[in-house]
Amino acid sequence: MRHLLTIAIAMTLLVSCSTSRNNAQQGGRLNPDQVFTITDDDIARETLSINSTIKGQWTYSGPSVDVSGKNVLAGIGKPIAKGKIKKKLKNAFKKIGLDKARPQFTFNEDGTCAVTLLGKSLKGTYNYNPSQEKISIKWHGVPVTARLKRDGKKKLHLTFDADKLLSILTLAGNFTDSSTIKALSFLMDHYDDVMVGFELKK
């Protein structure tokens, strides 16, 4: 009798283990939706991680130029072209007082930003794509796309299309002096496919 009871218990345990194993296998199967679904929390974490690479306050230290077009480079090398444009840009920035005003850009991890430019303070939001070196900054609902290159941990190059930079500076400075406008306008009149803007340091 005792022998039969032992066999019964053993059989019960075997059935129980087999059932549990089958259930585990069925329950352990990965649902494609579970694997490929991206949640809002996933996006938020990734955004914070990306934004952390540029977070902080960055101050203007000089002009920055990014040359990519063929028209500018006709007959001269890229370094020479950049040097010539940068010299003209530095003179133009000096005319409008950027050397003294020293613009500041503050990028926060949560996607908000603040800019102090020629006496005006602007707050907005931004979206940064490091793989494409692009940043879209939105002030008062108006987006402005720029190129943002990291140069080490304590330097950024923030450059715009020439016409966009001229519009931003003219709006912020409220210029009325025609010579100042002329100094800025050379960028649009003489150069194509050139990004111009600011070298920023922490």
N, C-alpha and C. Protein backbone atom coordinates (compact mmCIF):
# COMPACT_ATOMS: atom_id res chain seq x y z
N MET A 1 0.84 -1.21 0.00
CA MET A 1 0.00 0.00 0.00
C MET A 1 0.87 1.25 0.00
N ARG A 2 1.86 1.19 0.87
CA ARG A 2 2.78 2.32 0.96
C ARG A 2 3.50 2.51 -0.37
N HIS A 3 3.83 1.40 -1.03
CA HIS A 3 4.52 1.45 -2.32
C HIS A 3 3.63 2.10 -3.38
N LEU A 4 2.36 1.75 -3.38
CA LEU A 4 1.42 2.33 -4.33
C LEU A 4 1.25 3.83 -4.10
N LEU A 5 1.23 4.24 -2.84
CA LEU A 5 1.10 5.66 -2.49
C LEU A 5 2.29 6.45 -2.99
N THR A 6 3.48 5.88 -2.87
CA THR A 6 4.70 6.55 -3.33
C THR A 6 4.67 6.74 -4.84
N ILE A 7 4.18 5.70 -5.57
CA ILE A 7 4.08 5.80 -7.03
C ILE A 7 3.08 6.88 -7.43
N ALA A 8 1.97 6.96 -6.72
CA ALA A 8 0.93 7.95 -7.03
C ALA A 8 1.46 9.37 -6.85
N ILE A 9 2.19 9.59 -5.77
CA ILE A 9 2.76 10.92 -5.51
C ILE A 9 3.76 11.30 -6.59
N ALA A 10 4.59 10.30 -6.99
CA ALA A 10 5.59 10.55 -8.03
C ALA A 10 4.92 10.92 -9.35
N MET A 11 3.84 10.20 -9.71
CA MET A 11 3.13 10.49 -10.95
C MET A 11 2.50 11.88 -10.93
N THR A 12 1.97 12.24 -9.76
CA THR A 12 1.35 13.57 -9.61
C THR A 12 2.38 14.68 -9.81
N LEU A 13 3.57 14.47 -9.26
CA LEU A 13 4.64 15.46 -9.39
C LEU A 13 5.09 15.59 -10.84
N LEU A 14 5.18 14.46 -11.55
CA LEU A 14 5.60 14.49 -12.95
C LEU A 14 4.60 15.24 -13.81
N VAL A 15 3.32 14.98 -13.60
CA VAL A 15 2.26 15.68 -14.35
C VAL A 15 2.28 17.16 -14.06
N SER A 16 2.47 17.50 -12.77
CA SER A 16 2.49 18.91 -12.37
C SER A 16 3.66 19.64 -13.02
N CYS A 17 4.85 19.01 -13.04
CA CYS A 17 6.04 19.63 -13.62
C CYS A 17 5.87 19.81 -15.12
N SER A 18 5.28 18.79 -15.77
CA SER A 18 5.08 18.86 -17.22
C SER A 18 4.12 19.98 -17.57
N THR A 19 3.04 20.11 -16.80
CA THR A 19 2.05 21.17 -17.04
C THR A 19 2.66 22.55 -16.84
N SER A 20 3.45 22.67 -15.78
CA SER A 20 4.10 23.97 -15.48
C SER A 20 5.07 24.35 -16.58
N ARG A 21 5.82 23.33 -17.10
CA ARG A 21 6.79 23.60 -18.15
C ARG A 21 6.10 24.06 -19.42
N ASN A 22 4.98 23.39 -19.77
CA ASN A 22 4.24 23.78 -20.97
C ASN A 22 3.67 25.19 -20.84
N ASN A 23 3.14 25.49 -19.66
CA ASN A 23 2.60 26.83 -19.42
C ASN A 23 3.68 27.89 -19.51
N ALA A 24 4.84 27.55 -18.98
CA ALA A 24 5.96 28.51 -18.99
C ALA A 24 6.41 28.77 -20.41
N GLN A 25 6.42 27.66 -21.21
CA GLN A 25 6.86 27.82 -22.60
C GLN A 25 5.88 28.68 -23.38
N GLN A 26 4.58 28.45 -23.14
CA GLN A 26 3.58 29.24 -23.83
C GLN A 26 3.59 30.69 -23.36
N GLY A 27 3.70 30.84 -22.02
CA GLY A 27 3.69 32.19 -21.47
C GLY A 27 4.97 32.94 -21.76
N GLY A 28 6.08 32.19 -22.01
CA GLY A 28 7.35 32.83 -22.24
C GLY A 28 7.59 33.25 -23.66
N ARG A 29 6.66 32.88 -24.54
CA ARG A 29 6.81 33.29 -25.93
C ARG A 29 6.72 34.80 -26.06
N LEU A 30 7.64 35.39 -26.81
CA LEU A 30 7.67 36.84 -26.94
C LEU A 30 6.68 37.31 -27.99
N ASN A 31 5.84 38.20 -27.58
CA ASN A 31 4.88 38.82 -28.48
C ASN A 31 5.59 39.91 -29.28
N PRO A 32 5.49 39.90 -30.62
CA PRO A 32 6.16 40.94 -31.42
C PRO A 32 5.84 42.36 -30.96
N ASP A 33 4.59 42.56 -30.54
CA ASP A 33 4.19 43.90 -30.07
C ASP A 33 4.98 44.31 -28.84
N GLN A 34 5.29 43.31 -27.97
CA GLN A 34 6.05 43.60 -26.77
C GLN A 34 7.49 43.95 -27.09
N VAL A 35 8.03 43.32 -28.16
CA VAL A 35 9.43 43.54 -28.52
C VAL A 35 9.61 44.90 -29.19
N PHE A 36 8.71 45.26 -30.11
CA PHE A 36 8.93 46.42 -30.96
C PHE A 36 8.16 47.67 -30.54
N THR A 37 7.33 47.58 -29.55
CA THR A 37 6.59 48.75 -29.10
C THR A 37 7.51 49.74 -28.39
N ILE A 38 7.45 51.01 -28.79
CA ILE A 38 8.22 52.07 -28.14
C ILE A 38 7.25 52.94 -27.37
N THR A 39 7.45 53.04 -26.09
CA THR A 39 6.53 53.79 -25.24
C THR A 39 6.98 55.24 -25.11
N ASP A 40 6.09 56.05 -24.57
CA ASP A 40 6.42 57.46 -24.31
C ASP A 40 7.59 57.57 -23.33
N ASP A 41 7.64 56.63 -22.38
CA ASP A 41 8.74 56.64 -21.41
C ASP A 41 10.08 56.35 -22.10
N ASP A 42 10.07 55.44 -23.08
CA ASP A 42 11.29 55.13 -23.83
C ASP A 42 11.79 56.38 -24.56
N ILE A 43 10.87 57.09 -25.21
CA ILE A 43 11.22 58.29 -25.96
C ILE A 43 11.74 59.37 -25.03
N ALA A 44 11.09 59.51 -23.88
CA ALA A 44 11.49 60.53 -22.90
C ALA A 44 12.90 60.26 -22.39
N ARG A 45 13.19 58.99 -22.09
CA ARG A 45 14.53 58.64 -21.59
C ARG A 45 15.60 58.89 -22.65
N GLU A 46 15.30 58.52 -23.90
CA GLU A 46 16.26 58.73 -24.97
C GLU A 46 16.50 60.21 -25.23
N THR A 47 15.43 61.00 -25.16
CA THR A 47 15.55 62.45 -25.37
C THR A 47 16.40 63.09 -24.29
N LEU A 48 16.19 62.70 -23.05
CA LEU A 48 16.99 63.22 -21.95
C LEU A 48 18.47 62.86 -22.12
N SER A 49 18.71 61.63 -22.58
CA SER A 49 20.08 61.18 -22.78
C SER A 49 20.77 62.00 -23.87
N ILE A 50 20.06 62.26 -24.97
CA ILE A 50 20.61 63.06 -26.07
C ILE A 50 20.85 64.49 -25.64
N ASN A 51 19.84 65.08 -25.00
CA ASN A 51 19.94 66.49 -24.60
C ASN A 51 21.02 66.73 -23.55
N SER A 52 21.32 65.69 -22.77
CA SER A 52 22.34 65.84 -21.72
C SER A 52 23.71 66.14 -22.31
N THR A 53 23.92 65.78 -23.59
CA THR A 53 25.23 66.00 -24.22
C THR A 53 25.48 67.48 -24.54
N ILE A 54 24.42 68.30 -24.56
CA ILE A 54 24.61 69.73 -24.85
C ILE A 54 24.03 70.62 -23.75
N LYS A 55 23.60 70.03 -22.65
CA LYS A 55 22.96 70.82 -21.61
C LYS A 55 23.95 71.82 -21.01
N GLY A 56 23.40 72.93 -20.51
CA GLY A 56 24.22 73.94 -19.86
C GLY A 56 24.16 75.28 -20.58
N GLN A 57 24.93 76.20 -20.07
CA GLN A 57 24.98 77.56 -20.64
C GLN A 57 26.22 77.72 -21.51
N TRP A 58 26.00 78.19 -22.74
CA TRP A 58 27.07 78.35 -23.72
C TRP A 58 27.16 79.82 -24.12
N THR A 59 28.37 80.34 -24.12
CA THR A 59 28.58 81.77 -24.37
C THR A 59 29.37 82.00 -25.66
N TYR A 60 28.98 83.01 -26.40
CA TYR A 60 29.63 83.36 -27.67
C TYR A 60 31.12 83.64 -27.47
N SER A 61 31.97 83.03 -28.31
CA SER A 61 33.40 83.29 -28.24
C SER A 61 33.96 83.75 -29.58
N GLY A 62 33.13 83.73 -30.63
CA GLY A 62 33.59 84.17 -31.94
C GLY A 62 32.65 83.65 -33.02
N PRO A 63 32.87 84.08 -34.26
CA PRO A 63 32.04 83.60 -35.37
C PRO A 63 32.41 82.17 -35.77
N SER A 64 31.47 81.49 -36.39
CA SER A 64 31.71 80.14 -36.88
C SER A 64 31.18 80.05 -38.31
N VAL A 65 31.91 79.33 -39.15
CA VAL A 65 31.55 79.20 -40.57
C VAL A 65 31.63 77.73 -40.97
N ASP A 66 30.62 77.28 -41.71
CA ASP A 66 30.62 75.92 -42.24
C ASP A 66 30.35 76.01 -43.74
N VAL A 67 31.34 75.63 -44.54
CA VAL A 67 31.24 75.72 -46.00
C VAL A 67 31.00 74.34 -46.58
N SER A 68 29.95 74.22 -47.40
CA SER A 68 29.68 72.93 -48.03
C SER A 68 29.37 73.06 -49.51
N GLY A 69 29.11 74.25 -49.99
CA GLY A 69 28.71 74.44 -51.39
C GLY A 69 29.89 74.49 -52.34
N LYS A 70 29.60 74.27 -53.63
CA LYS A 70 30.63 74.30 -54.66
C LYS A 70 30.89 75.70 -55.18
N ASN A 71 29.87 76.55 -55.15
CA ASN A 71 30.02 77.90 -55.70
C ASN A 71 31.08 78.70 -54.95
N VAL A 72 31.07 78.55 -53.62
CA VAL A 72 32.04 79.28 -52.81
C VAL A 72 33.45 78.80 -53.07
N LEU A 73 33.56 77.51 -53.34
CA LEU A 73 34.88 76.89 -53.45
C LEU A 73 35.49 76.97 -54.84
N ALA A 74 34.79 77.59 -55.76
CA ALA A 74 35.31 77.66 -57.13
C ALA A 74 36.63 78.43 -57.16
N GLY A 75 37.69 77.72 -57.50
CA GLY A 75 38.99 78.38 -57.64
C GLY A 75 39.78 78.53 -56.36
N ILE A 76 39.18 78.25 -55.19
CA ILE A 76 39.93 78.37 -53.94
C ILE A 76 39.63 77.16 -53.07
N GLY A 77 40.54 76.86 -52.17
CA GLY A 77 40.35 75.72 -51.28
C GLY A 77 39.37 76.03 -50.17
N LYS A 78 38.82 74.99 -49.59
CA LYS A 78 37.83 75.15 -48.53
C LYS A 78 38.37 75.91 -47.31
N PRO A 79 39.57 75.59 -46.81
CA PRO A 79 40.10 76.35 -45.66
C PRO A 79 40.23 77.85 -45.95
N ILE A 80 40.66 78.18 -47.19
CA ILE A 80 40.80 79.60 -47.55
C ILE A 80 39.44 80.27 -47.60
N ALA A 81 38.47 79.56 -48.20
CA ALA A 81 37.12 80.11 -48.27
C ALA A 81 36.55 80.36 -46.88
N LYS A 82 36.71 79.40 -45.99
CA LYS A 82 36.21 79.57 -44.63
C LYS A 82 36.90 80.72 -43.93
N GLY A 83 38.22 80.85 -44.14
CA GLY A 83 38.96 81.94 -43.51
C GLY A 83 38.50 83.31 -43.99
N LYS A 84 38.26 83.44 -45.30
CA LYS A 84 37.83 84.71 -45.85
C LYS A 84 36.44 85.09 -45.33
N ILE A 85 35.53 84.13 -45.30
CA ILE A 85 34.17 84.40 -44.83
C ILE A 85 34.17 84.70 -43.34
N LYS A 86 34.96 83.95 -42.60
CA LYS A 86 35.01 84.15 -41.15
C LYS A 86 35.52 85.55 -40.80
N LYS A 87 36.49 86.04 -41.56
CA LYS A 87 37.02 87.38 -41.33
C LYS A 87 35.95 88.44 -41.58
N LYS A 88 35.20 88.28 -42.67
CA LYS A 88 34.13 89.22 -42.96
C LYS A 88 33.03 89.14 -41.90
N LEU A 89 32.72 87.91 -41.48
CA LEU A 89 31.69 87.72 -40.46
C LEU A 89 32.10 88.34 -39.13
N LYS A 90 33.37 88.22 -38.79
CA LYS A 90 33.86 88.80 -37.54
C LYS A 90 33.71 90.32 -37.56
N ASN A 91 34.01 90.93 -38.69
CA ASN A 91 33.85 92.38 -38.81
C ASN A 91 32.39 92.78 -38.71
N ALA A 92 31.52 92.00 -39.33
CA ALA A 92 30.08 92.30 -39.27
C ALA A 92 29.56 92.16 -37.84
N PHE A 93 29.98 91.10 -37.15
CA PHE A 93 29.55 90.90 -35.75
C PHE A 93 30.05 92.03 -34.85
N LYS A 94 31.25 92.50 -35.15
CA LYS A 94 31.82 93.59 -34.36
C LYS A 94 31.00 94.86 -34.54
N LYS A 95 30.54 95.09 -35.77
CA LYS A 95 29.75 96.28 -36.07
C LYS A 95 28.43 96.30 -35.28
N ILE A 96 27.82 95.14 -35.11
CA ILE A 96 26.54 95.11 -34.41
C ILE A 96 26.69 94.88 -32.90
N GLY A 97 27.93 94.76 -32.44
CA GLY A 97 28.17 94.71 -31.00
C GLY A 97 28.13 93.34 -30.35
N LEU A 98 28.30 92.29 -31.14
CA LEU A 98 28.25 90.96 -30.55
C LEU A 98 29.44 90.68 -29.64
N ASP A 99 30.59 91.29 -29.93
CA ASP A 99 31.77 91.08 -29.09
C ASP A 99 31.52 91.56 -27.66
N LYS A 100 30.78 92.64 -27.54
CA LYS A 100 30.50 93.18 -26.20
C LYS A 100 29.27 92.52 -25.58
N ALA A 101 28.25 92.25 -26.40
CA ALA A 101 27.01 91.67 -25.89
C ALA A 101 27.18 90.21 -25.50
N ARG A 102 28.06 89.50 -26.20
CA ARG A 102 28.35 88.08 -25.93
C ARG A 102 27.06 87.28 -25.71
N PRO A 103 26.41 86.89 -26.80
CA PRO A 103 25.17 86.09 -26.72
C PRO A 103 25.36 84.81 -25.90
N GLN A 104 24.29 84.38 -25.27
CA GLN A 104 24.32 83.15 -24.48
C GLN A 104 23.16 82.24 -24.87
N PHE A 105 23.46 80.97 -24.98
CA PHE A 105 22.45 79.96 -25.29
C PHE A 105 22.45 78.94 -24.15
N THR A 106 21.28 78.69 -23.59
CA THR A 106 21.15 77.71 -22.52
C THR A 106 20.22 76.59 -22.98
N PHE A 107 20.74 75.36 -22.96
CA PHE A 107 19.95 74.19 -23.35
C PHE A 107 19.71 73.32 -22.12
N ASN A 108 18.46 73.03 -21.84
CA ASN A 108 18.09 72.18 -20.70
C ASN A 108 17.75 70.78 -21.18
N GLU A 109 17.90 69.81 -20.29
CA GLU A 109 17.65 68.41 -20.66
C GLU A 109 16.20 68.16 -21.06
N ASP A 110 15.28 68.97 -20.51
CA ASP A 110 13.86 68.73 -20.79
C ASP A 110 13.41 69.28 -22.14
N GLY A 111 14.36 69.83 -22.94
CA GLY A 111 14.01 70.33 -24.26
C GLY A 111 13.65 71.80 -24.31
N THR A 112 13.77 72.48 -23.18
CA THR A 112 13.55 73.93 -23.17
C THR A 112 14.89 74.64 -23.33
N CYS A 113 14.84 75.88 -23.81
CA CYS A 113 16.08 76.63 -24.00
C CYS A 113 15.82 78.12 -23.77
N ALA A 114 16.89 78.84 -23.57
CA ALA A 114 16.83 80.29 -23.40
C ALA A 114 17.99 80.92 -24.14
N VAL A 115 17.73 82.05 -24.77
CA VAL A 115 18.75 82.74 -25.54
C VAL A 115 18.76 84.21 -25.17
N THR A 116 19.95 84.73 -24.94
CA THR A 116 20.13 86.17 -24.73
C THR A 116 20.94 86.68 -25.91
N LEU A 117 20.30 87.54 -26.72
CA LEU A 117 20.93 87.98 -27.96
C LEU A 117 20.70 89.47 -28.17
N LEU A 118 21.79 90.24 -28.16
CA LEU A 118 21.74 91.69 -28.40
C LEU A 118 20.71 92.38 -27.50
N GLY A 119 20.75 92.01 -26.22
CA GLY A 119 19.89 92.67 -25.24
C GLY A 119 18.51 92.08 -25.10
N LYS A 120 18.15 91.13 -25.95
CA LYS A 120 16.84 90.51 -25.85
C LYS A 120 16.96 89.09 -25.33
N SER A 121 15.99 88.72 -24.47
CA SER A 121 15.96 87.37 -23.92
C SER A 121 14.78 86.61 -24.53
N LEU A 122 15.06 85.46 -25.06
CA LEU A 122 14.04 84.64 -25.70
C LEU A 122 14.03 83.25 -25.07
N LYS A 123 12.84 82.74 -24.82
CA LYS A 123 12.69 81.39 -24.29
C LYS A 123 11.93 80.54 -25.30
N GLY A 124 12.27 79.28 -25.36
CA GLY A 124 11.60 78.41 -26.32
C GLY A 124 11.89 76.96 -26.06
N THR A 125 11.74 76.16 -27.09
CA THR A 125 12.00 74.72 -27.02
C THR A 125 12.92 74.33 -28.17
N TYR A 126 13.52 73.15 -28.05
CA TYR A 126 14.41 72.70 -29.12
C TYR A 126 14.31 71.19 -29.30
N ASN A 127 14.71 70.75 -30.47
CA ASN A 127 14.79 69.32 -30.79
C ASN A 127 16.14 69.08 -31.43
N TYR A 128 16.97 68.27 -30.80
CA TYR A 128 18.35 68.06 -31.24
C TYR A 128 18.52 66.67 -31.81
N ASN A 129 19.12 66.60 -33.01
CA ASN A 129 19.42 65.32 -33.67
C ASN A 129 20.93 65.23 -33.87
N PRO A 130 21.64 64.58 -32.95
CA PRO A 130 23.11 64.55 -33.04
C PRO A 130 23.65 63.81 -34.26
N SER A 131 22.94 62.78 -34.73
CA SER A 131 23.44 62.01 -35.86
C SER A 131 23.46 62.85 -37.14
N GLN A 132 22.53 63.79 -37.25
CA GLN A 132 22.48 64.67 -38.41
C GLN A 132 23.08 66.05 -38.12
N GLU A 133 23.50 66.24 -36.87
CA GLU A 133 24.06 67.53 -36.43
C GLU A 133 23.09 68.67 -36.72
N LYS A 134 21.82 68.44 -36.41
CA LYS A 134 20.80 69.45 -36.64
C LYS A 134 20.06 69.76 -35.35
N ILE A 135 19.63 70.99 -35.23
CA ILE A 135 18.81 71.40 -34.10
C ILE A 135 17.72 72.33 -34.61
N SER A 136 16.51 72.12 -34.12
CA SER A 136 15.39 72.98 -34.46
C SER A 136 14.97 73.71 -33.20
N ILE A 137 15.10 75.03 -33.22
CA ILE A 137 14.76 75.86 -32.07
C ILE A 137 13.47 76.61 -32.38
N LYS A 138 12.53 76.54 -31.46
CA LYS A 138 11.24 77.19 -31.68
C LYS A 138 11.06 78.34 -30.69
N TRP A 139 10.99 79.55 -31.22
CA TRP A 139 10.74 80.73 -30.41
C TRP A 139 9.37 81.29 -30.77
N HIS A 140 8.51 81.44 -29.76
CA HIS A 140 7.17 81.99 -29.98
C HIS A 140 6.44 81.24 -31.10
N GLY A 141 6.63 79.92 -31.15
CA GLY A 141 5.93 79.11 -32.13
C GLY A 141 6.57 79.07 -33.50
N VAL A 142 7.65 79.82 -33.70
CA VAL A 142 8.31 79.88 -35.00
C VAL A 142 9.60 79.04 -34.95
N PRO A 143 9.69 77.94 -35.75
CA PRO A 143 10.89 77.10 -35.72
C PRO A 143 12.02 77.65 -36.58
N VAL A 144 13.23 77.53 -36.07
CA VAL A 144 14.42 77.92 -36.82
C VAL A 144 15.38 76.73 -36.81
N THR A 145 15.70 76.23 -38.00
CA THR A 145 16.59 75.08 -38.10
C THR A 145 18.03 75.54 -38.27
N ALA A 146 18.93 74.88 -37.55
CA ALA A 146 20.35 75.24 -37.60
C ALA A 146 21.18 73.97 -37.56
N ARG A 147 22.47 74.14 -37.78
CA ARG A 147 23.42 73.03 -37.65
C ARG A 147 24.15 73.18 -36.32
N LEU A 148 24.23 72.10 -35.57
CA LEU A 148 24.89 72.14 -34.27
C LEU A 148 25.95 71.05 -34.22
N LYS A 149 27.22 71.48 -34.15
CA LYS A 149 28.33 70.54 -34.09
C LYS A 149 29.03 70.66 -32.75
N ARG A 150 29.25 69.51 -32.11
CA ARG A 150 30.01 69.49 -30.87
C ARG A 150 31.50 69.43 -31.21
N ASP A 151 32.27 70.22 -30.48
CA ASP A 151 33.73 70.23 -30.64
C ASP A 151 34.33 69.98 -29.26
N GLY A 152 34.45 68.72 -28.91
CA GLY A 152 34.87 68.39 -27.56
C GLY A 152 33.70 68.55 -26.60
N LYS A 153 34.00 68.64 -25.33
CA LYS A 153 32.96 68.75 -24.31
C LYS A 153 32.59 70.19 -23.98
N LYS A 154 33.43 71.14 -24.38
CA LYS A 154 33.19 72.52 -23.95
C LYS A 154 33.11 73.51 -25.09
N LYS A 155 32.79 73.01 -26.29
CA LYS A 155 32.67 73.93 -27.43
C LYS A 155 31.59 73.43 -28.38
N LEU A 156 30.77 74.36 -28.86
CA LEU A 156 29.75 74.07 -29.85
C LEU A 156 29.88 75.04 -31.01
N HIS A 157 29.49 74.57 -32.21
CA HIS A 157 29.39 75.44 -33.38
C HIS A 157 27.92 75.45 -33.81
N LEU A 158 27.27 76.59 -33.65
CA LEU A 158 25.86 76.75 -34.00
C LEU A 158 25.78 77.66 -35.22
N THR A 159 25.42 77.07 -36.37
CA THR A 159 25.42 77.84 -37.61
C THR A 159 24.07 77.75 -38.32
N PHE A 160 23.73 78.83 -39.04
CA PHE A 160 22.45 78.97 -39.72
C PHE A 160 22.68 79.27 -41.20
N ASP A 161 21.63 79.09 -41.99
CA ASP A 161 21.66 79.66 -43.33
C ASP A 161 21.81 81.16 -43.19
N ALA A 162 22.54 81.79 -44.12
CA ALA A 162 22.85 83.21 -43.99
C ALA A 162 21.61 84.08 -43.86
N ASP A 163 20.57 83.79 -44.65
CA ASP A 163 19.37 84.62 -44.60
C ASP A 163 18.65 84.50 -43.26
N LYS A 164 18.68 83.28 -42.65
CA LYS A 164 18.03 83.09 -41.35
C LYS A 164 18.78 83.83 -40.26
N LEU A 165 20.11 83.75 -40.31
CA LEU A 165 20.91 84.46 -39.31
C LEU A 165 20.68 85.96 -39.41
N LEU A 166 20.64 86.48 -40.63
CA LEU A 166 20.41 87.91 -40.83
C LEU A 166 19.06 88.32 -40.25
N SER A 167 18.04 87.50 -40.47
CA SER A 167 16.71 87.81 -39.95
C SER A 167 16.70 87.82 -38.43
N ILE A 168 17.38 86.82 -37.82
CA ILE A 168 17.42 86.73 -36.35
C ILE A 168 18.14 87.93 -35.75
N LEU A 169 19.30 88.26 -36.31
CA LEU A 169 20.09 89.37 -35.77
C LEU A 169 19.38 90.71 -35.99
N THR A 170 18.77 90.88 -37.15
CA THR A 170 18.07 92.14 -37.44
C THR A 170 16.90 92.32 -36.50
N LEU A 171 16.15 91.24 -36.25
CA LEU A 171 15.01 91.30 -35.35
C LEU A 171 15.45 91.60 -33.92
N ALA A 172 16.49 90.91 -33.48
CA ALA A 172 16.96 91.08 -32.10
C ALA A 172 17.58 92.45 -31.88
N GLY A 173 18.32 92.93 -32.90
CA GLY A 173 19.01 94.21 -32.73
C GLY A 173 18.20 95.42 -33.12
N ASN A 174 17.08 95.19 -33.86
CA ASN A 174 16.25 96.30 -34.32
C ASN A 174 17.09 97.36 -35.01
N PHE A 175 17.89 96.94 -35.99
CA PHE A 175 18.83 97.83 -36.65
C PHE A 175 18.13 98.83 -37.57
N THR A 176 18.65 100.03 -37.59
CA THR A 176 18.17 101.05 -38.53
C THR A 176 19.32 101.61 -39.36
N ASP A 177 20.55 101.34 -38.91
CA ASP A 177 21.74 101.83 -39.60
C ASP A 177 21.97 101.02 -40.88
N SER A 178 21.93 101.67 -42.02
CA SER A 178 22.07 100.97 -43.30
C SER A 178 23.44 100.31 -43.45
N SER A 179 24.46 100.90 -42.86
CA SER A 179 25.80 100.32 -42.98
C SER A 179 25.88 98.99 -42.24
N THR A 180 25.14 98.87 -41.15
CA THR A 180 25.12 97.62 -40.40
C THR A 180 24.40 96.54 -41.19
N ILE A 181 23.27 96.90 -41.79
CA ILE A 181 22.53 95.96 -42.62
C ILE A 181 23.39 95.51 -43.79
N LYS A 182 24.13 96.45 -44.37
CA LYS A 182 25.00 96.13 -45.51
C LYS A 182 26.09 95.16 -45.09
N ALA A 183 26.62 95.35 -43.88
CA ALA A 183 27.69 94.48 -43.39
C ALA A 183 27.19 93.05 -43.21
N LEU A 184 25.92 92.90 -42.87
CA LEU A 184 25.36 91.57 -42.69
C LEU A 184 24.90 90.95 -44.02
N SER A 185 24.44 91.78 -44.92
CA SER A 185 23.84 91.30 -46.16
C SER A 185 24.84 90.68 -47.12
N PHE A 186 26.12 90.96 -46.95
CA PHE A 186 27.12 90.39 -47.87
C PHE A 186 27.04 88.87 -47.89
N LEU A 187 26.59 88.29 -46.78
CA LEU A 187 26.53 86.84 -46.67
C LEU A 187 25.54 86.26 -47.68
N MET A 188 24.41 86.92 -47.83
CA MET A 188 23.40 86.41 -48.76
C MET A 188 23.72 86.77 -50.20
N ASP A 189 24.34 87.93 -50.39
CA ASP A 189 24.56 88.44 -51.74
C ASP A 189 25.71 87.73 -52.46
N HIS A 190 26.69 87.23 -51.72
CA HIS A 190 27.90 86.74 -52.36
C HIS A 190 28.21 85.26 -52.13
N TYR A 191 27.50 84.61 -51.23
CA TYR A 191 27.86 83.23 -50.91
C TYR A 191 26.64 82.32 -50.91
N ASP A 192 26.81 81.14 -51.50
CA ASP A 192 25.77 80.11 -51.49
C ASP A 192 26.23 78.92 -50.67
N ASP A 193 25.28 78.22 -50.11
CA ASP A 193 25.57 76.98 -49.38
C ASP A 193 26.59 77.18 -48.27
N VAL A 194 26.44 78.28 -47.55
CA VAL A 194 27.34 78.57 -46.43
C VAL A 194 26.50 78.71 -45.16
N MET A 195 26.92 78.03 -44.11
CA MET A 195 26.27 78.15 -42.81
C MET A 195 27.15 79.06 -41.94
N VAL A 196 26.54 80.07 -41.34
CA VAL A 196 27.30 81.02 -40.53
C VAL A 196 26.61 81.19 -39.19
N GLY A 197 27.42 81.46 -38.15
CA GLY A 197 26.83 81.63 -36.84
C GLY A 197 27.85 81.84 -35.76
N PHE A 198 27.71 81.06 -34.70
CA PHE A 198 28.47 81.33 -33.48
C PHE A 198 29.29 80.13 -33.00
N GLU A 199 30.49 80.42 -32.54
CA GLU A 199 31.25 79.44 -31.78
C GLU A 199 30.92 79.70 -30.32
N LEU A 200 30.50 78.67 -29.62
CA LEU A 200 30.06 78.82 -28.23
C LEU A 200 30.92 77.98 -27.30
N LYS A 201 31.20 78.54 -26.14
CA LYS A 201 31.99 77.79 -25.14
C LYS A 201 31.28 77.81 -23.80
N LYS A 202 31.53 76.75 -23.02
CA LYS A 202 30.98 76.67 -21.66
C LYS A 202 31.81 77.51 -20.71
